[in-house]
Amino acid sequence: MEKKAIILKVFGRVQGVGFRFYTQKKANELNIFGFVQNMLDGSVYIEAEGQEENLNTFIDWVSTGPSWARVKQVQKQWVPVKNYTEFEIR
């Protein structure tokens, strides 16, 4: 199966609500690799790689986030695969 890669920029109340922790947990469940980090503008930036079906499930989850988050918008951009070997919080 071919791996795909996507960049997600998540806007809303997504910092200080455990977003990165739960994003990492969900990525590990779905065998997705990459990283998640908070941005200075209050958004969360994610680079994710995996099977397309798993990525679509992951994107759906990110669009809601953990229960304390309030996701207003998710920008998506498909990009070349970088072959990450884990999913980390930066």
PDB file of N, CA and C in Angstrom:
ATOM      1  N   MET A   1       0.841  -1.203   0.000  1.00  0.00           N
ATOM      2  CA  MET A   1       0.000   0.000   0.000  1.00  0.00           C
ATOM      3  C   MET A   1       0.875   1.253   0.000  1.00  0.00           C
ATOM      4  N   GLU A   2       0.428   2.220  -0.750  1.00  0.00           N
ATOM      5  CA  GLU A   2       1.176   3.461  -0.906  1.00  0.00           C
ATOM      6  C   GLU A   2       0.902   4.402   0.272  1.00  0.00           C
ATOM      7  N   LYS A   3       1.974   4.983   0.788  1.00  0.00           N
ATOM      8  CA  LYS A   3       1.831   5.973   1.860  1.00  0.00           C
ATOM      9  C   LYS A   3       1.510   7.335   1.263  1.00  0.00           C
ATOM     10  N   LYS A   4       0.705   8.111   1.981  1.00  0.00           N
ATOM     11  CA  LYS A   4       0.408   9.487   1.594  1.00  0.00           C
ATOM     12  C   LYS A   4       0.821  10.391   2.751  1.00  0.00           C
ATOM     13  N   ALA A   5       0.951  11.683   2.440  1.00  0.00           N
ATOM     14  CA  ALA A   5       1.353  12.640   3.477  1.00  0.00           C
ATOM     15  C   ALA A   5       0.518  13.903   3.339  1.00  0.00           C
ATOM     16  N   ILE A   6       0.181  14.486   4.479  1.00  0.00           N
ATOM     17  CA  ILE A   6      -0.631  15.701   4.488  1.00  0.00           C
ATOM     18  C   ILE A   6      -0.159  16.631   5.598  1.00  0.00           C
ATOM     19  N   ILE A   7      -0.288  17.931   5.337  1.00  0.00           N
ATOM     20  CA  ILE A   7      -0.074  18.954   6.363  1.00  0.00           C
ATOM     21  C   ILE A   7      -1.455  19.456   6.768  1.00  0.00           C
ATOM     22  N   LEU A   8      -1.687  19.520   8.066  1.00  0.00           N
ATOM     23  CA  LEU A   8      -2.947  20.042   8.607  1.00  0.00           C
ATOM     24  C   LEU A   8      -2.644  21.240   9.489  1.00  0.00           C
ATOM     25  N   LYS A   9      -3.366  22.336   9.258  1.00  0.00           N
ATOM     26  CA  LYS A   9      -3.284  23.496  10.142  1.00  0.00           C
ATOM     27  C   LYS A   9      -4.652  23.636  10.791  1.00  0.00           C
ATOM     28  N   VAL A  10      -4.658  23.534  12.124  1.00  0.00           N
ATOM     29  CA  VAL A  10      -5.905  23.477  12.877  1.00  0.00           C
ATOM     30  C   VAL A  10      -6.093  24.777  13.645  1.00  0.00           C
ATOM     31  N   PHE A  11      -7.237  25.418  13.421  1.00  0.00           N
ATOM     32  CA  PHE A  11      -7.543  26.701  14.051  1.00  0.00           C
ATOM     33  C   PHE A  11      -8.737  26.563  14.978  1.00  0.00           C
ATOM     34  N   GLY A  12      -8.779  27.402  16.008  1.00  0.00           N
ATOM     35  CA  GLY A  12      -9.856  27.391  16.998  1.00  0.00           C
ATOM     36  C   GLY A  12      -9.237  27.377  18.382  1.00  0.00           C
ATOM     37  N   ARG A  13      -9.984  26.807  19.354  1.00  0.00           N
ATOM     38  CA  ARG A  13      -9.421  26.658  20.706  1.00  0.00           C
ATOM     39  C   ARG A  13      -8.707  25.311  20.734  1.00  0.00           C
ATOM     40  N   VAL A  14      -7.437  25.322  20.316  1.00  0.00           N
ATOM     41  CA  VAL A  14      -6.713  24.061  20.134  1.00  0.00           C
ATOM     42  C   VAL A  14      -5.388  24.030  20.902  1.00  0.00           C
ATOM     43  N   GLN A  15      -5.109  25.054  21.683  1.00  0.00           N
ATOM     44  CA  GLN A  15      -3.918  25.029  22.543  1.00  0.00           C
ATOM     45  C   GLN A  15      -4.370  25.065  24.000  1.00  0.00           C
ATOM     46  N   GLY A  16      -3.625  24.353  24.849  1.00  0.00           N
ATOM     47  CA  GLY A  16      -3.963  24.311  26.270  1.00  0.00           C
ATOM     48  C   GLY A  16      -5.134  23.401  26.576  1.00  0.00           C
ATOM     49  N   VAL A  17      -5.493  22.518  25.628  1.00  0.00           N
ATOM     50  CA  VAL A  17      -6.635  21.619  25.822  1.00  0.00           C
ATOM     51  C   VAL A  17      -6.238  20.149  25.591  1.00  0.00           C
ATOM     52  N   GLY A  18      -4.933  19.870  25.606  1.00  0.00           N
ATOM     53  CA  GLY A  18      -4.470  18.495  25.402  1.00  0.00           C
ATOM     54  C   GLY A  18      -4.496  18.054  23.946  1.00  0.00           C
ATOM     55  N   PHE A  19      -4.608  19.013  23.033  1.00  0.00           N
ATOM     56  CA  PHE A  19      -4.750  18.684  21.616  1.00  0.00           C
ATOM     57  C   PHE A  19      -3.561  17.872  21.093  1.00  0.00           C
ATOM     58  N   ARG A  20      -2.346  18.314  21.416  1.00  0.00           N
ATOM     59  CA  ARG A  20      -1.161  17.610  20.903  1.00  0.00           C
ATOM     60  C   ARG A  20      -1.062  16.192  21.471  1.00  0.00           C
ATOM     61  N   PHE A  21      -1.322  16.045  22.765  1.00  0.00           N
ATOM     62  CA  PHE A  21      -1.264  14.727  23.404  1.00  0.00           C
ATOM     63  C   PHE A  21      -2.240  13.758  22.742  1.00  0.00           C
ATOM     64  N   TYR A  22      -3.500  14.193  22.583  1.00  0.00           N
ATOM     65  CA  TYR A  22      -4.518  13.311  22.003  1.00  0.00           C
ATOM     66  C   TYR A  22      -4.304  13.091  20.510  1.00  0.00           C
ATOM     67  N   THR A  23      -3.713  14.066  19.838  1.00  0.00           N
ATOM     68  CA  THR A  23      -3.366  13.891  18.423  1.00  0.00           C
ATOM     69  C   THR A  23      -2.318  12.796  18.280  1.00  0.00           C
ATOM     70  N   GLN A  24      -1.307  12.821  19.155  1.00  0.00           N
ATOM     71  CA  GLN A  24      -0.274  11.784  19.134  1.00  0.00           C
ATOM     72  C   GLN A  24      -0.887  10.410  19.430  1.00  0.00           C
ATOM     73  N   LYS A  25      -1.775  10.357  20.414  1.00  0.00           N
ATOM     74  CA  LYS A  25      -2.425   9.099  20.791  1.00  0.00           C
ATOM     75  C   LYS A  25      -3.214   8.539  19.605  1.00  0.00           C
ATOM     76  N   LYS A  26      -3.992   9.379  18.939  1.00  0.00           N
ATOM     77  CA  LYS A  26      -4.797   8.946  17.797  1.00  0.00           C
ATOM     78  C   LYS A  26      -3.897   8.527  16.637  1.00  0.00           C
ATOM     79  N   ALA A  27      -2.818   9.269  16.402  1.00  0.00           N
ATOM     80  CA  ALA A  27      -1.882   8.921  15.325  1.00  0.00           C
ATOM     81  C   ALA A  27      -1.277   7.540  15.578  1.00  0.00           C
ATOM     82  N   ASN A  28      -0.894   7.269  16.825  1.00  0.00           N
ATOM     83  CA  ASN A  28      -0.316   5.972  17.161  1.00  0.00           C
ATOM     84  C   ASN A  28      -1.323   4.842  16.962  1.00  0.00           C
ATOM     85  N   GLU A  29      -2.599   5.095  17.303  1.00  0.00           N
ATOM     86  CA  GLU A  29      -3.653   4.096  17.094  1.00  0.00           C
ATOM     87  C   GLU A  29      -3.810   3.758  15.613  1.00  0.00           C
ATOM     88  N   LEU A  30      -3.630   4.769  14.759  1.00  0.00           N
ATOM     89  CA  LEU A  30      -3.889   4.615  13.324  1.00  0.00           C
ATOM     90  C   LEU A  30      -2.621   4.336  12.512  1.00  0.00           C
ATOM     91  N   ASN A  31      -1.500   4.123  13.209  1.00  0.00           N
ATOM     92  CA  ASN A  31      -0.233   3.848  12.518  1.00  0.00           C
ATOM     93  C   ASN A  31       0.164   5.008  11.593  1.00  0.00           C
ATOM     94  N   ILE A  32       0.031   6.217  12.117  1.00  0.00           N
ATOM     95  CA  ILE A  32       0.385   7.436  11.379  1.00  0.00           C
ATOM     96  C   ILE A  32       1.648   8.027  11.990  1.00  0.00           C
ATOM     97  N   PHE A  33       2.536   8.493  11.117  1.00  0.00           N
ATOM     98  CA  PHE A  33       3.823   9.039  11.547  1.00  0.00           C
ATOM     99  C   PHE A  33       3.924  10.511  11.173  1.00  0.00           C
ATOM    100  N   GLY A  34       4.751  11.260  11.923  1.00  0.00           N
ATOM    101  CA  GLY A  34       4.938  12.682  11.666  1.00  0.00           C
ATOM    102  C   GLY A  34       5.110  13.419  12.976  1.00  0.00           C
ATOM    103  N   PHE A  35       4.503  14.613  13.059  1.00  0.00           N
ATOM    104  CA  PHE A  35       4.597  15.382  14.304  1.00  0.00           C
ATOM    105  C   PHE A  35       3.457  16.377  14.411  1.00  0.00           C
ATOM    106  N   VAL A  36       3.292  16.894  15.628  1.00  0.00           N
ATOM    107  CA  VAL A  36       2.314  17.938  15.909  1.00  0.00           C
ATOM    108  C   VAL A  36       3.014  18.998  16.751  1.00  0.00           C
ATOM    109  N   GLN A  37       2.725  20.272  16.472  1.00  0.00           N
ATOM    110  CA  GLN A  37       3.314  21.342  17.284  1.00  0.00           C
ATOM    111  C   GLN A  37       2.377  22.538  17.345  1.00  0.00           C
ATOM    112  N   ASN A  38       2.464  23.271  18.461  1.00  0.00           N
ATOM    113  CA  ASN A  38       1.727  24.525  18.616  1.00  0.00           C
ATOM    114  C   ASN A  38       2.435  25.617  17.825  1.00  0.00           C
ATOM    115  N   MET A  39       1.647  26.521  17.242  1.00  0.00           N
ATOM    116  CA  MET A  39       2.193  27.650  16.508  1.00  0.00           C
ATOM    117  C   MET A  39       1.947  28.933  17.299  1.00  0.00           C
ATOM    118  N   LEU A  40       2.755  29.952  17.024  1.00  0.00           N
ATOM    119  CA  LEU A  40       2.638  31.216  17.762  1.00  0.00           C
ATOM    120  C   LEU A  40       1.285  31.886  17.555  1.00  0.00           C
ATOM    121  N   ASP A  41       0.630  31.632  16.422  1.00  0.00           N
ATOM    122  CA  ASP A  41      -0.669  32.276  16.148  1.00  0.00           C
ATOM    123  C   ASP A  41      -1.835  31.579  16.853  1.00  0.00           C
ATOM    124  N   GLY A  42      -1.536  30.562  17.678  1.00  0.00           N
ATOM    125  CA  GLY A  42      -2.594  29.872  18.426  1.00  0.00           C
ATOM    126  C   GLY A  42      -3.122  28.637  17.711  1.00  0.00           C
ATOM    127  N   SER A  43      -2.638  28.387  16.506  1.00  0.00           N
ATOM    128  CA  SER A  43      -3.073  27.200  15.768  1.00  0.00           C
ATOM    129  C   SER A  43      -2.180  26.008  16.122  1.00  0.00           C
ATOM    130  N   VAL A  44      -2.556  24.841  15.601  1.00  0.00           N
ATOM    131  CA  VAL A  44      -1.750  23.634  15.743  1.00  0.00           C
ATOM    132  C   VAL A  44      -1.375  23.164  14.342  1.00  0.00           C
ATOM    133  N   TYR A  45      -0.091  22.802  14.170  1.00  0.00           N
ATOM    134  CA  TYR A  45       0.452  22.362  12.888  1.00  0.00           C
ATOM    135  C   TYR A  45       0.769  20.873  12.972  1.00  0.00           C
ATOM    136  N   ILE A  46       0.298  20.119  11.982  1.00  0.00           N
ATOM    137  CA  ILE A  46       0.502  18.670  11.977  1.00  0.00           C
ATOM    138  C   ILE A  46       1.055  18.242  10.617  1.00  0.00           C
ATOM    139  N   GLU A  47       2.104  17.424  10.644  1.00  0.00           N
ATOM    140  CA  GLU A  47       2.526  16.709   9.445  1.00  0.00           C
ATOM    141  C   GLU A  47       2.249  15.244   9.721  1.00  0.00           C
ATOM    142  N   ALA A  48       1.485  14.600   8.838  1.00  0.00           N
ATOM    143  CA  ALA A  48       1.057  13.217   9.064  1.00  0.00           C
ATOM    144  C   ALA A  48       1.243  12.377   7.811  1.00  0.00           C
ATOM    145  N   GLU A  49       1.720  11.158   8.013  1.00  0.00           N
ATOM    146  CA  GLU A  49       1.923  10.212   6.917  1.00  0.00           C
ATOM    147  C   GLU A  49       1.340   8.859   7.289  1.00  0.00           C
ATOM    148  N   GLY A  50       0.761   8.195   6.306  1.00  0.00           N
ATOM    149  CA  GLY A  50       0.236   6.860   6.540  1.00  0.00           C
ATOM    150  C   GLY A  50      -0.600   6.408   5.369  1.00  0.00           C
ATOM    151  N   GLN A  51      -1.312   5.299   5.559  1.00  0.00           N
ATOM    152  CA  GLN A  51      -2.219   4.808   4.523  1.00  0.00           C
ATOM    153  C   GLN A  51      -3.379   5.798   4.385  1.00  0.00           C
ATOM    154  N   GLU A  52      -3.847   5.973   3.148  1.00  0.00           N
ATOM    155  CA  GLU A  52      -4.880   6.987   2.885  1.00  0.00           C
ATOM    156  C   GLU A  52      -6.123   6.796   3.754  1.00  0.00           C
ATOM    157  N   GLU A  53      -6.568   5.548   3.907  1.00  0.00           N
ATOM    158  CA  GLU A  53      -7.759   5.273   4.711  1.00  0.00           C
ATOM    159  C   GLU A  53      -7.553   5.720   6.160  1.00  0.00           C
ATOM    160  N   ASN A  54      -6.368   5.410   6.731  1.00  0.00           N
ATOM    161  CA  ASN A  54      -6.055   5.819   8.103  1.00  0.00           C
ATOM    162  C   ASN A  54      -5.935   7.336   8.200  1.00  0.00           C
ATOM    163  N   LEU A  55      -5.333   7.962   7.184  1.00  0.00           N
ATOM    164  CA  LEU A  55      -5.215   9.426   7.197  1.00  0.00           C
ATOM    165  C   LEU A  55      -6.592  10.075   7.176  1.00  0.00           C
ATOM    166  N   ASN A  56      -7.510   9.536   6.384  1.00  0.00           N
ATOM    167  CA  ASN A  56      -8.860  10.111   6.323  1.00  0.00           C
ATOM    168  C   ASN A  56      -9.553  10.010   7.672  1.00  0.00           C
ATOM    169  N   THR A  57      -9.374   8.886   8.370  1.00  0.00           N
ATOM    170  CA  THR A  57      -9.930   8.728   9.721  1.00  0.00           C
ATOM    171  C   THR A  57      -9.295   9.749  10.669  1.00  0.00           C
ATOM    172  N   PHE A  58      -7.973   9.922  10.549  1.00  0.00           N
ATOM    173  CA  PHE A  58      -7.221  10.872  11.374  1.00  0.00           C
ATOM    174  C   PHE A  58      -7.700  12.306  11.119  1.00  0.00           C
ATOM    175  N   ILE A  59      -7.874  12.672   9.851  1.00  0.00           N
ATOM    176  CA  ILE A  59      -8.336  14.020   9.488  1.00  0.00           C
ATOM    177  C   ILE A  59      -9.717  14.272  10.074  1.00  0.00           C
ATOM    178  N   ASP A  60     -10.600  13.267   9.996  1.00  0.00           N
ATOM    179  CA  ASP A  60     -11.937  13.404  10.594  1.00  0.00           C
ATOM    180  C   ASP A  60     -11.827  13.664  12.091  1.00  0.00           C
ATOM    181  N   TRP A  61     -10.920  12.935  12.771  1.00  0.00           N
ATOM    182  CA  TRP A  61     -10.748  13.123  14.216  1.00  0.00           C
ATOM    183  C   TRP A  61     -10.210  14.526  14.509  1.00  0.00           C
ATOM    184  N   VAL A  62      -9.184  14.952  13.742  1.00  0.00           N
ATOM    185  CA  VAL A  62      -8.568  16.275  13.954  1.00  0.00           C
ATOM    186  C   VAL A  62      -9.613  17.384  13.784  1.00  0.00           C
ATOM    187  N   SER A  63     -10.567  17.172  12.902  1.00  0.00           N
ATOM    188  CA  SER A  63     -11.601  18.176  12.633  1.00  0.00           C
ATOM    189  C   SER A  63     -12.495  18.429  13.847  1.00  0.00           C
ATOM    190  N   THR A  64     -12.481  17.498  14.808  1.00  0.00           N
ATOM    191  CA  THR A  64     -13.226  17.667  16.063  1.00  0.00           C
ATOM    192  C   THR A  64     -12.262  17.851  17.229  1.00  0.00           C
ATOM    193  N   GLY A  65     -11.225  16.992  17.274  1.00  0.00           N
ATOM    194  CA  GLY A  65     -10.239  17.065  18.352  1.00  0.00           C
ATOM    195  C   GLY A  65     -10.768  16.476  19.642  1.00  0.00           C
ATOM    196  N   PRO A  66      -9.986  16.609  20.729  1.00  0.00           N
ATOM    197  CA  PRO A  66     -10.452  16.118  22.030  1.00  0.00           C
ATOM    198  C   PRO A  66     -11.629  16.963  22.511  1.00  0.00           C
ATOM    199  N   SER A  67     -12.329  16.465  23.530  1.00  0.00           N
ATOM    200  CA  SER A  67     -13.592  17.089  23.939  1.00  0.00           C
ATOM    201  C   SER A  67     -13.468  18.549  24.383  1.00  0.00           C
ATOM    202  N   TRP A  68     -12.295  18.967  24.900  1.00  0.00           N
ATOM    203  CA  TRP A  68     -12.151  20.348  25.376  1.00  0.00           C
ATOM    204  C   TRP A  68     -11.826  21.314  24.242  1.00  0.00           C
ATOM    205  N   ALA A  69     -11.417  20.795  23.102  1.00  0.00           N
ATOM    206  CA  ALA A  69     -11.044  21.647  21.972  1.00  0.00           C
ATOM    207  C   ALA A  69     -12.294  22.151  21.250  1.00  0.00           C
ATOM    208  N   ARG A  70     -12.141  23.253  20.541  1.00  0.00           N
ATOM    209  CA  ARG A  70     -13.200  23.776  19.673  1.00  0.00           C
ATOM    210  C   ARG A  70     -12.544  24.092  18.330  1.00  0.00           C
ATOM    211  N   VAL A  71     -12.574  23.120  17.428  1.00  0.00           N
ATOM    212  CA  VAL A  71     -11.938  23.302  16.127  1.00  0.00           C
ATOM    213  C   VAL A  71     -12.862  24.127  15.229  1.00  0.00           C
ATOM    214  N   LYS A  72     -12.325  25.249  14.719  1.00  0.00           N
ATOM    215  CA  LYS A  72     -13.113  26.105  13.826  1.00  0.00           C
ATOM    216  C   LYS A  72     -12.797  25.837  12.364  1.00  0.00           C
ATOM    217  N   GLN A  73     -11.537  25.500  12.073  1.00  0.00           N
ATOM    218  CA  GLN A  73     -11.130  25.313  10.683  1.00  0.00           C
ATOM    219  C   GLN A  73      -9.919  24.393  10.615  1.00  0.00           C
ATOM    220  N   VAL A  74      -9.863  23.563   9.560  1.00  0.00           N
ATOM    221  CA  VAL A  74      -8.689  22.734   9.290  1.00  0.00           C
ATOM    222  C   VAL A  74      -8.282  22.969   7.839  1.00  0.00           C
ATOM    223  N   GLN A  75      -7.076  23.485   7.647  1.00  0.00           N
ATOM    224  CA  GLN A  75      -6.527  23.641   6.293  1.00  0.00           C
ATOM    225  C   GLN A  75      -5.732  22.383   5.973  1.00  0.00           C
ATOM    226  N   LYS A  76      -5.940  21.830   4.761  1.00  0.00           N
ATOM    227  CA  LYS A  76      -5.279  20.588   4.362  1.00  0.00           C
ATOM    228  C   LYS A  76      -4.446  20.816   3.113  1.00  0.00           C
ATOM    229  N   GLN A  77      -3.265  20.219   3.107  1.00  0.00           N
ATOM    230  CA  GLN A  77      -2.390  20.292   1.931  1.00  0.00           C
ATOM    231  C   GLN A  77      -1.648  18.972   1.782  1.00  0.00           C
ATOM    232  N   TRP A  78      -1.908  18.252   0.679  1.00  0.00           N
ATOM    233  CA  TRP A  78      -1.187  17.001   0.413  1.00  0.00           C
ATOM    234  C   TRP A  78       0.222  17.344  -0.014  1.00  0.00           C
ATOM    235  N   VAL A  79       1.195  16.616   0.503  1.00  0.00           N
ATOM    236  CA  VAL A  79       2.617  16.904   0.268  1.00  0.00           C
ATOM    237  C   VAL A  79       3.367  15.594   0.017  1.00  0.00           C
ATOM    238  N   PRO A  80       4.617  15.678  -0.481  1.00  0.00           N
ATOM    239  CA  PRO A  80       5.414  14.449  -0.650  1.00  0.00           C
ATOM    240  C   PRO A  80       5.721  13.780   0.691  1.00  0.00           C
ATOM    241  N   VAL A  81       5.815  12.463   0.679  1.00  0.00           N
ATOM    242  CA  VAL A  81       6.121  11.673   1.878  1.00  0.00           C
ATOM    243  C   VAL A  81       7.574  11.911   2.298  1.00  0.00           C
ATOM    244  N   LYS A  82       7.786  12.083   3.603  1.00  0.00           N
ATOM    245  CA  LYS A  82       9.139  12.277   4.156  1.00  0.00           C
ATOM    246  C   LYS A  82       9.639  11.058   4.908  1.00  0.00           C
ATOM    247  N   ASN A  83       8.794  10.040   5.040  1.00  0.00           N
ATOM    248  CA  ASN A  83       9.152   8.791   5.724  1.00  0.00           C
ATOM    249  C   ASN A  83       9.549   8.984   7.189  1.00  0.00           C
ATOM    250  N   TYR A  84       8.684   9.638   7.955  1.00  0.00           N
ATOM    251  CA  TYR A  84       8.863   9.713   9.408  1.00  0.00           C
ATOM    252  C   TYR A  84       8.786   8.307   9.985  1.00  0.00           C
ATOM    253  N   THR A  85       9.428   8.086  11.120  1.00  0.00           N
ATOM    254  CA  THR A  85       9.427   6.754  11.735  1.00  0.00           C
ATOM    255  C   THR A  85       8.650   6.712  13.047  1.00  0.00           C
ATOM    256  N   GLU A  86       8.111   7.858  13.484  1.00  0.00           N
ATOM    257  CA  GLU A  86       7.307   7.926  14.709  1.00  0.00           C
ATOM    258  C   GLU A  86       6.417   9.151  14.594  1.00  0.00           C
ATOM    259  N   PHE A  87       5.532   9.319  15.590  1.00  0.00           N
ATOM    260  CA  PHE A  87       4.721  10.536  15.647  1.00  0.00           C
ATOM    261  C   PHE A  87       5.077  11.239  16.937  1.00  0.00           C
ATOM    262  N   GLU A  88       5.630  12.444  16.822  1.00  0.00           N
ATOM    263  CA  GLU A  88       6.127  13.129  18.025  1.00  0.00           C
ATOM    264  C   GLU A  88       5.441  14.463  18.255  1.00  0.00           C
ATOM    265  N   ILE A  89       5.486  14.872  19.512  1.00  0.00           N
ATOM    266  CA  ILE A  89       5.032  16.215  19.907  1.00  0.00           C
ATOM    267  C   ILE A  89       6.249  17.106  19.916  1.00  0.00           C
ATOM    268  N   ARG A  90       6.163  18.212  19.219  1.00  0.00           N
ATOM    269  CA  ARG A  90       7.300  19.153  19.194  1.00  0.00           C
ATOM    270  C   ARG A  90       6.948  20.414  19.943  1.00  0.00           C
TER     271      ARG A  90
END
